[in-house]
Amino acid sequence: MPATTNFLAADLGASNGRVLLARWDGARFALQELHRFPNGPTAVHDRLYWNVLGLWSELQTGMARYAAQYDEPPAGIGVDTWGVDFGLLDRAGRLMGNPVAYRDARTNGIMDVACAVVPAETIFDITGIQFMQFNTLFQLYAMRHGGDPQLDAAETLLMLPDLFHYWLTGRKAAEYTIASTSQMFDARERRWAAGLMAKLDLPTRILPQVVPPGTVLGEVLPGVLDAAGLQGPVPVIAPGGHDTASAVAAVPGLDARSLYISSGTWSLMGMEIAEPIINERTRSLNFTNEGGVDNTIRLLKNIAGLWTLQESRRQWRREGQDFSWNDLTSQAEQAEPFSSLIDPDAADFLNPSNMVDAFRDYCRRTDQPVPETVGQVVRCCLESLALRYRWVLNALEEIAGTQIETMRIVGGGSQNRLLSQLAADACRRPVITGPVEATALGNVMLQAIAAGRLSSIAEGREAIAASIEQETFEPGSAAGWDDAFGRYEALLARE
């Protein structure tokens, strides 16, 4: 056995993707970025599509870059992506069209239409999943409601990581964690909710076999190896196919008294529990019970995280102002605290053409001071997100019946030190940040378990803790936060 073992992780996000190499020396992981590439939906007429063939080409480029540097084949490769989106295959296993992006307008209003057929209470009792209009269930129902011919012609539905694994191996399978994001999965029985789909006249024949994370799906096909110049055999190992599942797998020290926030475009905030918590209170608070690694459940809330800040920055760039993240943070620190607040999850911010104008319009509509400067907008964004964290923390403690002592932030958003401090101040809990590369580390950690290099998730988390640096943010002054939280709750009551 070589001194180090190499694993490849393809981590595909909604704004960019990477292929990373993880070298495991028996005690620590060392990550190397082999290839980074942009991603984003493309508008054609009245639809937003993902360029999955372009992503497939980029994945092969990453594999080729590995082959150019190393003679020995990697011990595994696995793909993770964002949730809910999917591709449809025909009888010959060919992709029937570019997958539609979850922010597409085809699902506007469709939840009400679907829930008139099957009540929301029934859907939640089966799936335990937070209601969002772009969940796979509602995407498919929008296709049915709109008469899309692809739905009846399709032979197989594959969630996006499953699609790339199919192209790598030729095997069609549904990894558990990504399947659970669909709102078509029975959270208690851990199987497809075929009865629910039948009630909505959605085909169940298209649903593949469900496999747990850590499953060896097969080996990379010879043609794919040849195209990348890669020596084989190379096992394809399903990680937590949902990027958040892989990220949560990598949270060091996660226990019953701590919560996680996987922070990026979205903030996924929750707890790792053994069984789903499905009741009227959980439904009314719109929490979700998604599948986790090691047969766990991720009780969490999807929060529109740094999306509003990312889109504001994009708007300023359009206007000729190219601010770095440090520039934005510095200007926010100089702005007056608690001047204006938003609900980051309000429909106003789902996909506006101009995010900065959306901030200002929301504040006018809610009778608040209108943020004019860059610093005021960024301050509003970050303080509002910290207050959203406080609201979710309170709800989690109520639902789970547990006192939460520590907040653990991972992912790219953990680099925003101002947000981490604001979160500690707002929630009155210490915040521990890192790893930044949680998703990739969780991905390769699950591969290492499948390959026999690690014995368990617990051992893997200890190895990740040994591989990274973490930072702790203690709660500072409480001044102003209670009043701001009262104002925030009043905003929620108006919606």
Protein backbone atom coordinates (compact mmCIF):
# COMPACT_ATOMS: atom_id res chain seq x y z
CA MET A 1 0.00 0.00 0.00
CA PRO A 2 1.44 3.44 -0.94
CA ALA A 3 2.41 5.93 1.78
CA THR A 4 -0.44 8.18 0.68
CA THR A 5 -3.80 7.41 -0.90
CA ASN A 6 -5.33 9.72 -3.48
CA PHE A 7 -9.03 10.47 -3.86
CA LEU A 8 -10.78 12.80 -6.32
CA ALA A 9 -13.81 14.89 -5.39
CA ALA A 10 -15.92 16.71 -7.96
CA ASP A 11 -17.78 19.40 -6.04
CA LEU A 12 -20.27 21.09 -8.34
CA GLY A 13 -21.99 24.20 -7.01
CA ALA A 14 -24.59 26.46 -8.56
CA SER A 15 -22.03 29.21 -9.20
CA ASN A 16 -18.80 27.25 -9.73
CA GLY A 17 -17.36 23.77 -9.71
CA ARG A 18 -14.06 22.22 -8.73
CA VAL A 19 -12.24 18.95 -9.09
CA LEU A 20 -10.02 18.44 -6.05
CA LEU A 21 -7.37 15.93 -5.11
CA ALA A 22 -7.25 14.73 -1.50
CA ARG A 23 -4.08 13.00 -0.35
CA TRP A 24 -4.59 10.83 2.74
CA ASP A 25 -1.44 9.98 4.70
CA GLY A 26 -3.12 7.88 7.35
CA ALA A 27 -3.68 10.79 9.74
CA ARG A 28 -4.62 13.88 7.70
CA PHE A 29 -6.13 14.97 4.42
CA ALA A 30 -4.31 17.47 2.22
CA LEU A 31 -6.41 19.09 -0.51
CA GLN A 32 -5.18 20.34 -3.87
CA GLU A 33 -7.45 22.09 -6.34
CA LEU A 34 -6.86 20.54 -9.75
CA HIS A 35 -9.45 22.46 -11.75
CA ARG A 36 -11.94 25.25 -11.06
CA PHE A 37 -14.58 26.43 -13.49
CA PRO A 38 -17.62 28.71 -13.49
CA ASN A 39 -21.18 27.43 -13.47
CA GLY A 40 -24.54 29.10 -13.74
CA PRO A 41 -27.88 28.77 -15.48
CA THR A 42 -28.39 29.94 -19.07
CA ALA A 43 -31.64 31.57 -20.17
CA VAL A 44 -33.17 30.40 -23.45
CA HIS A 45 -36.55 31.96 -24.26
CA ASP A 46 -38.58 31.43 -21.09
CA ARG A 47 -36.41 28.79 -19.37
CA LEU A 48 -33.26 28.65 -17.24
CA TYR A 49 -31.10 25.61 -18.02
CA TRP A 50 -27.97 23.99 -16.59
CA ASN A 51 -25.19 23.18 -19.05
CA VAL A 52 -24.55 19.69 -17.71
CA LEU A 53 -22.58 18.58 -20.76
CA GLY A 54 -20.24 21.50 -20.14
CA LEU A 55 -19.91 20.40 -16.51
CA TRP A 56 -19.19 16.85 -17.68
CA SER A 57 -16.42 18.18 -19.91
CA GLU A 58 -14.96 20.16 -17.01
CA LEU A 59 -15.06 17.05 -14.80
CA GLN A 60 -13.06 15.16 -17.42
CA THR A 61 -10.58 18.06 -17.60
CA GLY A 62 -10.05 17.75 -13.86
CA MET A 63 -9.44 14.02 -14.21
CA ALA A 64 -6.95 14.70 -17.02
CA ARG A 65 -5.07 17.17 -14.84
CA TYR A 66 -4.74 14.47 -12.21
CA ALA A 67 -3.46 12.03 -14.83
CA ALA A 68 -0.85 14.58 -15.96
CA GLN A 69 0.61 14.73 -12.44
CA TYR A 70 0.27 11.20 -11.07
CA ASP A 71 0.90 7.75 -12.49
CA GLU A 72 -1.10 5.78 -9.95
CA PRO A 73 -4.89 5.77 -10.33
CA PRO A 74 -6.90 7.42 -7.57
CA ALA A 75 -8.48 5.12 -5.01
CA GLY A 76 -11.86 6.67 -5.72
CA ILE A 77 -13.81 9.49 -7.30
CA GLY A 78 -17.17 10.89 -6.19
CA VAL A 79 -19.46 13.74 -7.26
CA ASP A 80 -21.61 16.02 -5.12
CA THR A 81 -23.92 18.83 -6.28
CA TRP A 82 -26.65 21.13 -5.05
CA GLY A 83 -30.05 19.56 -4.38
CA VAL A 84 -33.42 19.18 -6.13
CA ASP A 85 -32.38 19.41 -9.81
CA PHE A 86 -32.38 16.39 -12.11
CA GLY A 87 -31.98 15.01 -15.61
CA LEU A 88 -34.36 12.73 -17.50
CA LEU A 89 -33.10 9.80 -19.59
CA ASP A 90 -34.86 8.02 -22.44
CA ARG A 91 -35.01 4.24 -22.95
CA ALA A 92 -31.54 4.22 -24.48
CA GLY A 93 -30.10 6.02 -21.46
CA ARG A 94 -29.64 9.30 -23.31
CA LEU A 95 -30.24 12.67 -21.67
CA MET A 96 -33.50 14.07 -23.03
CA GLY A 97 -32.65 17.74 -22.60
CA ASN A 98 -30.71 20.21 -20.51
CA PRO A 99 -31.91 20.05 -16.89
CA VAL A 100 -33.95 23.09 -15.86
CA ALA A 101 -32.47 25.22 -13.06
CA TYR A 102 -34.32 25.40 -9.78
CA ARG A 103 -34.70 29.20 -9.95
CA ASP A 104 -36.71 28.90 -13.18
CA ALA A 105 -40.15 30.51 -13.09
CA ARG A 106 -42.05 27.38 -14.17
CA THR A 107 -42.73 26.51 -10.53
CA ASN A 108 -44.21 29.90 -9.63
CA GLY A 109 -47.53 29.20 -7.91
CA ILE A 110 -47.30 25.45 -8.47
CA MET A 111 -47.22 24.52 -4.77
CA ASP A 112 -50.76 25.81 -4.30
CA VAL A 113 -51.94 23.84 -7.33
CA ALA A 114 -50.32 20.62 -6.10
CA CYS A 115 -51.52 21.07 -2.52
CA ALA A 116 -55.09 21.40 -3.80
CA VAL A 117 -54.70 17.78 -4.97
CA VAL A 118 -52.69 16.44 -2.02
CA PRO A 119 -52.84 18.60 1.14
CA ALA A 120 -49.59 20.09 2.38
CA GLU A 121 -50.09 18.29 5.69
CA THR A 122 -50.12 14.94 3.89
CA ILE A 123 -47.04 15.74 1.79
CA PHE A 124 -45.11 16.81 4.88
CA ASP A 125 -46.24 13.83 6.94
CA ILE A 126 -44.73 11.53 4.33
CA THR A 127 -41.60 13.41 3.31
CA GLY A 128 -40.77 15.68 6.25
CA ILE A 129 -39.33 18.15 3.75
CA GLN A 130 -39.46 21.94 3.86
CA PHE A 131 -41.83 23.44 1.29
CA MET A 132 -39.98 25.32 -1.42
CA GLN A 133 -41.47 25.83 -4.84
CA PHE A 134 -38.42 24.45 -6.62
CA ASN A 135 -38.33 21.06 -4.88
CA THR A 136 -38.19 18.20 -7.37
CA LEU A 137 -41.76 17.19 -6.58
CA PHE A 138 -43.05 20.58 -7.66
CA GLN A 139 -40.74 20.75 -10.68
CA LEU A 140 -42.22 17.47 -11.91
CA TYR A 141 -45.74 18.61 -11.10
CA ALA A 142 -45.11 21.80 -13.07
CA MET A 143 -44.12 19.60 -16.01
CA ARG A 144 -47.32 17.56 -15.62
CA HIS A 145 -49.48 20.63 -15.15
CA GLY A 146 -47.89 22.30 -18.18
CA GLY A 147 -48.19 19.25 -20.42
CA ASP A 148 -44.44 18.77 -20.88
CA PRO A 149 -44.05 15.69 -23.14
CA GLN A 150 -40.68 14.75 -21.64
CA LEU A 151 -42.34 13.48 -18.47
CA ASP A 152 -44.25 10.66 -20.15
CA ALA A 153 -41.38 9.82 -22.51
CA ALA A 154 -38.77 9.56 -19.76
CA GLU A 155 -37.49 6.20 -18.61
CA THR A 156 -35.26 7.29 -15.71
CA LEU A 157 -34.89 10.30 -13.43
CA LEU A 158 -31.42 10.92 -12.06
CA MET A 159 -30.60 13.66 -9.59
CA LEU A 160 -27.56 15.61 -10.80
CA PRO A 161 -24.78 13.78 -8.90
CA ASP A 162 -26.40 10.50 -9.88
CA LEU A 163 -26.35 11.63 -13.53
CA PHE A 164 -22.59 12.24 -13.42
CA HIS A 165 -22.02 8.94 -11.64
CA TYR A 166 -24.04 7.25 -14.41
CA TRP A 167 -21.88 8.88 -17.07
CA LEU A 168 -18.79 7.70 -15.18
CA THR A 169 -19.91 4.09 -14.67
CA GLY A 170 -23.00 3.30 -16.72
CA ARG A 171 -24.91 2.49 -13.51
CA LYS A 172 -28.22 4.22 -12.72
CA ALA A 173 -28.76 4.64 -8.98
CA ALA A 174 -30.13 7.23 -6.57
CA GLU A 175 -27.88 8.17 -3.65
CA TYR A 176 -29.89 8.52 -0.44
CA THR A 177 -29.00 12.06 0.65
CA ILE A 178 -29.67 13.68 -2.72
CA ALA A 179 -32.87 11.67 -3.21
CA SER A 180 -34.16 13.01 0.11
CA THR A 181 -34.01 16.62 -1.15
CA SER A 182 -36.62 15.86 -3.80
CA GLN A 183 -39.68 15.89 -1.50
CA MET A 184 -40.55 12.58 -3.18
CA PHE A 185 -38.90 10.43 -0.50
CA ASP A 186 -40.52 8.80 2.53
CA ALA A 187 -38.46 10.08 5.45
CA ARG A 188 -39.54 7.34 7.88
CA GLU A 189 -39.42 4.37 5.53
CA ARG A 190 -36.28 5.63 3.73
CA ARG A 191 -37.70 4.85 0.27
CA TRP A 192 -39.36 6.65 -2.62
CA ALA A 193 -42.86 7.94 -1.77
CA ALA A 194 -44.50 6.16 -4.67
CA GLY A 195 -48.01 6.61 -3.31
CA LEU A 196 -47.61 10.38 -3.08
CA MET A 197 -46.32 10.57 -6.62
CA ALA A 198 -49.20 8.46 -7.91
CA LYS A 199 -51.71 10.83 -6.32
CA LEU A 200 -50.12 13.67 -8.27
CA ASP A 201 -50.10 11.62 -11.48
CA LEU A 202 -46.31 11.52 -11.56
CA PRO A 203 -44.58 8.41 -12.98
CA THR A 204 -42.91 6.16 -10.44
CA ARG A 205 -41.26 3.94 -13.05
CA ILE A 206 -38.60 6.63 -13.54
CA LEU A 207 -37.23 6.29 -9.98
CA PRO A 208 -34.00 4.26 -9.67
CA GLN A 209 -32.75 2.09 -6.82
CA VAL A 210 -31.68 4.03 -3.73
CA VAL A 211 -28.17 3.38 -2.36
CA PRO A 212 -26.50 4.76 0.79
CA PRO A 213 -23.57 7.19 0.72
CA GLY A 214 -20.31 5.26 0.62
CA THR A 215 -21.61 2.79 -1.98
CA VAL A 216 -19.07 1.69 -4.58
CA LEU A 217 -21.12 2.20 -7.75
CA GLY A 218 -18.65 0.60 -10.12
CA GLU A 219 -15.51 1.59 -12.00
CA VAL A 220 -14.90 4.46 -14.38
CA LEU A 221 -15.70 3.27 -17.90
CA PRO A 222 -12.74 2.54 -20.21
CA GLY A 223 -13.74 5.26 -22.67
CA VAL A 224 -13.82 7.87 -19.91
CA LEU A 225 -10.43 6.74 -18.64
CA ASP A 226 -8.97 6.95 -22.13
CA ALA A 227 -10.37 10.45 -22.72
CA ALA A 228 -8.73 11.67 -19.51
CA GLY A 229 -5.50 9.75 -20.05
CA LEU A 230 -6.09 8.08 -16.71
CA GLN A 231 -4.89 4.67 -15.63
CA GLY A 232 -7.47 2.34 -14.12
CA PRO A 233 -9.22 0.82 -12.42
CA VAL A 234 -10.81 3.80 -10.65
CA PRO A 235 -13.74 3.06 -8.31
CA VAL A 236 -16.65 5.49 -8.38
CA ILE A 237 -17.84 5.93 -4.80
CA ALA A 238 -21.03 7.80 -3.97
CA PRO A 239 -20.35 10.43 -1.30
CA GLY A 240 -23.16 12.39 0.24
CA GLY A 241 -24.42 13.33 -3.22
CA HIS A 242 -26.11 16.41 -1.78
CA ASP A 243 -23.28 18.85 -1.14
CA THR A 244 -24.74 19.78 2.24
CA ALA A 245 -24.74 16.13 3.32
CA SER A 246 -21.04 15.88 2.49
CA ALA A 247 -20.38 19.21 4.24
CA VAL A 248 -22.16 18.10 7.43
CA ALA A 249 -20.19 14.84 7.38
CA ALA A 250 -17.05 16.98 7.67
CA VAL A 251 -18.10 19.08 10.70
CA PRO A 252 -15.60 18.39 13.50
CA GLY A 253 -17.04 17.99 16.97
CA LEU A 254 -20.65 17.85 15.83
CA ASP A 255 -22.74 16.43 18.66
CA ALA A 256 -26.21 16.61 20.21
CA ARG A 257 -25.44 20.00 21.81
CA SER A 258 -24.20 21.72 18.67
CA LEU A 259 -25.65 22.85 15.38
CA TYR A 260 -24.05 23.31 11.99
CA ILE A 261 -24.34 26.02 9.37
CA SER A 262 -23.10 25.07 5.94
CA SER A 263 -22.56 28.60 4.73
CA GLY A 264 -22.39 29.77 1.14
CA THR A 265 -24.98 30.91 -1.38
CA TRP A 266 -27.38 29.10 0.94
CA SER A 267 -27.02 28.73 4.69
CA LEU A 268 -28.14 25.26 5.69
CA MET A 269 -28.62 25.42 9.45
CA GLY A 270 -29.56 22.45 11.56
CA MET A 271 -28.76 19.45 13.70
CA GLU A 272 -27.79 15.85 13.04
CA ILE A 273 -30.37 13.49 14.56
CA ALA A 274 -31.21 9.78 14.40
CA GLU A 275 -34.84 9.91 13.25
CA PRO A 276 -36.97 12.52 11.47
CA ILE A 277 -39.07 14.89 13.56
CA ILE A 278 -42.33 15.18 11.66
CA ASN A 279 -45.19 16.97 13.35
CA GLU A 280 -47.41 19.99 12.89
CA ARG A 281 -44.98 22.33 14.64
CA THR A 282 -42.09 21.29 12.40
CA ARG A 283 -44.30 21.76 9.34
CA SER A 284 -45.60 25.15 10.45
CA LEU A 285 -42.03 26.35 10.99
CA ASN A 286 -41.13 24.90 7.56
CA PHE A 287 -38.18 22.80 8.69
CA THR A 288 -36.83 19.90 6.69
CA ASN A 289 -35.72 16.34 7.47
CA GLU A 290 -33.13 15.48 4.84
CA GLY A 291 -31.07 12.32 4.64
CA GLY A 292 -27.60 12.42 6.18
CA VAL A 293 -24.57 10.20 6.21
CA ASP A 294 -24.45 7.07 8.34
CA ASN A 295 -28.25 6.73 8.08
CA THR A 296 -28.83 9.97 10.01
CA ILE A 297 -31.30 12.79 9.44
CA ARG A 298 -30.35 16.41 8.90
CA LEU A 299 -33.03 18.45 10.67
CA LEU A 300 -32.45 21.85 9.15
CA LYS A 301 -33.71 25.06 7.66
CA ASN A 302 -32.72 26.24 4.20
CA ILE A 303 -31.84 29.93 4.48
CA ALA A 304 -31.02 32.24 1.59
CA GLY A 305 -27.50 32.77 2.90
CA LEU A 306 -24.91 34.92 1.16
CA TRP A 307 -26.98 34.91 -2.03
CA THR A 308 -28.21 38.45 -1.44
CA LEU A 309 -24.65 39.72 -0.89
CA GLN A 310 -23.30 37.81 -3.90
CA GLU A 311 -25.99 39.24 -6.15
CA SER A 312 -25.50 42.76 -4.75
CA ARG A 313 -21.80 42.50 -5.54
CA ARG A 314 -22.70 41.33 -9.06
CA GLN A 315 -24.96 44.37 -9.47
CA TRP A 316 -22.24 46.77 -8.32
CA ARG A 317 -19.89 45.16 -10.85
CA ARG A 318 -22.44 45.83 -13.58
CA GLU A 319 -22.36 49.46 -12.50
CA GLY A 320 -18.57 49.57 -12.72
CA GLN A 321 -17.73 49.13 -9.02
CA ASP A 322 -15.64 45.99 -8.50
CA PHE A 323 -15.47 45.48 -4.74
CA SER A 324 -13.47 42.69 -3.13
CA TRP A 325 -15.07 40.77 -0.27
CA ASN A 326 -12.71 42.57 2.12
CA ASP A 327 -13.85 45.92 0.68
CA LEU A 328 -17.47 45.03 1.34
CA THR A 329 -16.77 43.85 4.88
CA SER A 330 -14.76 46.96 5.69
CA GLN A 331 -17.52 49.26 4.47
CA ALA A 332 -20.12 47.29 6.43
CA GLU A 333 -18.09 47.67 9.62
CA GLN A 334 -18.22 51.45 9.20
CA ALA A 335 -21.99 51.55 8.66
CA GLU A 336 -24.49 52.24 11.45
CA PRO A 337 -25.72 49.02 13.05
CA PHE A 338 -29.37 47.91 12.93
CA SER A 339 -30.48 50.72 10.62
CA SER A 340 -32.46 48.50 8.25
CA LEU A 341 -33.35 44.81 8.27
CA ILE A 342 -34.71 42.33 5.76
CA ASP A 343 -36.01 38.78 5.79
CA PRO A 344 -33.40 37.01 3.62
CA ASP A 345 -35.98 34.35 2.73
CA ALA A 346 -38.64 36.78 1.49
CA ALA A 347 -39.80 36.20 -2.08
CA ASP A 348 -38.41 39.67 -2.95
CA PHE A 349 -34.90 38.21 -2.94
CA LEU A 350 -35.41 34.87 -4.72
CA ASN A 351 -34.19 36.04 -8.14
CA PRO A 352 -34.59 39.81 -8.69
CA SER A 353 -33.03 41.48 -11.72
CA ASN A 354 -31.33 44.01 -9.41
CA MET A 355 -30.62 42.81 -5.86
CA VAL A 356 -29.59 46.24 -4.56
CA ASP A 357 -32.88 47.72 -5.74
CA ALA A 358 -34.66 44.77 -4.12
CA PHE A 359 -33.12 45.72 -0.75
CA ARG A 360 -34.26 49.30 -1.14
CA ASP A 361 -37.75 48.42 -2.34
CA TYR A 362 -38.21 46.01 0.58
CA CYS A 363 -37.15 48.66 3.11
CA ARG A 364 -39.51 51.23 1.58
CA ARG A 365 -42.36 48.74 1.66
CA THR A 366 -41.68 47.94 5.33
CA ASP A 367 -41.28 51.59 6.39
CA GLN A 368 -37.58 51.42 7.22
CA PRO A 369 -34.65 53.68 6.33
CA VAL A 370 -33.57 52.91 2.78
CA PRO A 371 -29.94 51.70 2.57
CA GLU A 372 -28.15 53.94 0.08
CA THR A 373 -24.43 53.27 0.47
CA VAL A 374 -22.60 50.03 -0.22
CA GLY A 375 -21.75 49.66 3.45
CA GLN A 376 -25.38 50.12 4.49
CA VAL A 377 -26.56 47.43 2.08
CA VAL A 378 -23.91 44.95 3.21
CA ARG A 379 -24.54 45.70 6.89
CA CYS A 380 -28.25 45.13 6.34
CA CYS A 381 -27.52 41.84 4.61
CA LEU A 382 -25.20 40.43 7.27
CA GLU A 383 -27.12 41.60 10.35
CA SER A 384 -30.36 40.26 8.88
CA LEU A 385 -28.71 36.90 8.22
CA ALA A 386 -27.40 36.76 11.80
CA LEU A 387 -30.92 37.48 13.07
CA ARG A 388 -32.25 34.74 10.81
CA TYR A 389 -29.76 32.40 12.47
CA ARG A 390 -31.10 33.42 15.89
CA TRP A 391 -34.67 32.69 14.79
CA VAL A 392 -33.69 29.25 13.47
CA LEU A 393 -31.65 28.49 16.61
CA ASN A 394 -34.67 29.22 18.79
CA ALA A 395 -36.89 27.05 16.62
CA LEU A 396 -34.40 24.17 16.57
CA GLU A 397 -34.18 24.13 20.36
CA GLU A 398 -37.97 24.04 20.55
CA ILE A 399 -38.41 21.29 17.96
CA ALA A 400 -35.59 19.05 19.18
CA GLY A 401 -36.10 19.76 22.87
CA THR A 402 -32.36 20.36 23.23
CA GLN A 403 -30.28 23.25 24.53
CA ILE A 404 -27.74 24.14 21.86
CA GLU A 405 -24.37 25.25 23.24
CA THR A 406 -22.20 25.71 20.15
CA MET A 407 -22.63 26.84 16.55
CA ARG A 408 -20.26 25.36 13.96
CA ILE A 409 -19.97 27.17 10.61
CA VAL A 410 -18.35 25.43 7.66
CA GLY A 411 -18.03 26.14 3.95
CA GLY A 412 -16.96 29.18 2.01
CA GLY A 413 -19.11 31.52 4.10
CA SER A 414 -17.08 30.61 7.19
CA GLN A 415 -14.37 32.93 5.81
CA ASN A 416 -16.62 35.95 6.41
CA ARG A 417 -15.32 36.84 9.87
CA LEU A 418 -17.75 39.73 10.32
CA LEU A 419 -20.72 37.44 9.74
CA SER A 420 -19.29 34.87 12.17
CA GLN A 421 -18.93 37.52 14.88
CA LEU A 422 -22.40 38.92 14.20
CA ALA A 423 -23.81 35.39 14.44
CA ALA A 424 -22.12 34.85 17.81
CA ASP A 425 -23.40 38.22 19.05
CA ALA A 426 -26.95 37.71 17.78
CA CYS A 427 -27.30 34.14 19.02
CA ARG A 428 -25.31 34.51 22.26
CA ARG A 429 -23.42 31.31 21.47
CA PRO A 430 -19.76 30.70 20.60
CA VAL A 431 -19.22 30.17 16.87
CA ILE A 432 -16.48 27.81 15.68
CA THR A 433 -15.56 28.09 11.99
CA GLY A 434 -13.95 25.61 9.61
CA PRO A 435 -13.33 23.73 7.51
CA VAL A 436 -13.78 26.04 4.54
CA GLU A 437 -13.61 23.05 2.19
CA ALA A 438 -16.15 21.05 4.17
CA THR A 439 -17.99 19.62 1.19
CA ALA A 440 -14.87 18.30 -0.52
CA LEU A 441 -13.49 16.91 2.75
CA GLY A 442 -16.76 15.17 3.55
CA ASN A 443 -16.86 13.77 0.03
CA VAL A 444 -13.37 12.23 0.22
CA MET A 445 -13.82 11.15 3.83
CA LEU A 446 -16.76 8.97 2.81
CA GLN A 447 -14.71 7.58 -0.04
CA ALA A 448 -11.89 6.78 2.40
CA ILE A 449 -14.31 4.86 4.61
CA ALA A 450 -15.57 2.87 1.63
CA ALA A 451 -11.97 2.16 0.61
CA GLY A 452 -11.11 0.89 4.09
CA ARG A 453 -8.76 3.75 4.98
CA LEU A 454 -11.03 5.01 7.78
CA SER A 455 -13.31 3.02 10.05
CA SER A 456 -16.16 5.44 10.74
CA ILE A 457 -17.60 8.93 10.42
CA ALA A 458 -16.38 9.71 13.94
CA GLU A 459 -12.81 8.76 13.04
CA GLY A 460 -13.15 10.73 9.81
CA ARG A 461 -14.25 13.88 11.66
CA GLU A 462 -11.27 13.57 13.98
CA ALA A 463 -8.99 13.28 10.94
CA ILE A 464 -10.56 16.37 9.38
CA ALA A 465 -10.11 18.32 12.62
CA ALA A 466 -6.43 17.36 12.54
CA SER A 467 -6.19 18.54 8.92
CA ILE A 468 -7.48 22.10 9.31
CA GLU A 469 -7.35 25.24 11.43
CA GLN A 470 -10.47 26.42 13.24
CA GLU A 471 -11.33 29.79 14.76
CA THR A 472 -13.66 30.55 17.68
CA PHE A 473 -15.79 33.71 17.93
CA GLU A 474 -17.10 34.40 21.42
CA PRO A 475 -20.29 36.45 21.86
CA GLY A 476 -19.53 40.15 22.30
CA SER A 477 -21.81 42.95 23.36
CA ALA A 478 -25.50 42.15 23.43
CA ALA A 479 -26.44 45.79 22.99
CA GLY A 480 -29.08 46.33 20.38
CA TRP A 481 -29.59 42.71 19.42
CA ASP A 482 -32.77 42.05 21.42
CA ASP A 483 -34.44 45.13 19.98
CA ALA A 484 -33.27 44.22 16.48
CA PHE A 485 -34.65 40.70 16.87
CA GLY A 486 -38.02 42.10 17.89
CA ARG A 487 -38.02 44.24 14.74
CA TYR A 488 -37.03 41.20 12.68
CA GLU A 489 -39.90 39.12 14.06
CA ALA A 490 -42.28 41.99 13.29
CA LEU A 491 -41.09 41.87 9.67
CA LEU A 492 -41.87 38.15 9.52
CA ALA A 493 -45.34 38.81 10.92
CA ARG A 494 -46.06 41.28 8.10
CA GLU A 495 -45.34 38.74 5.34
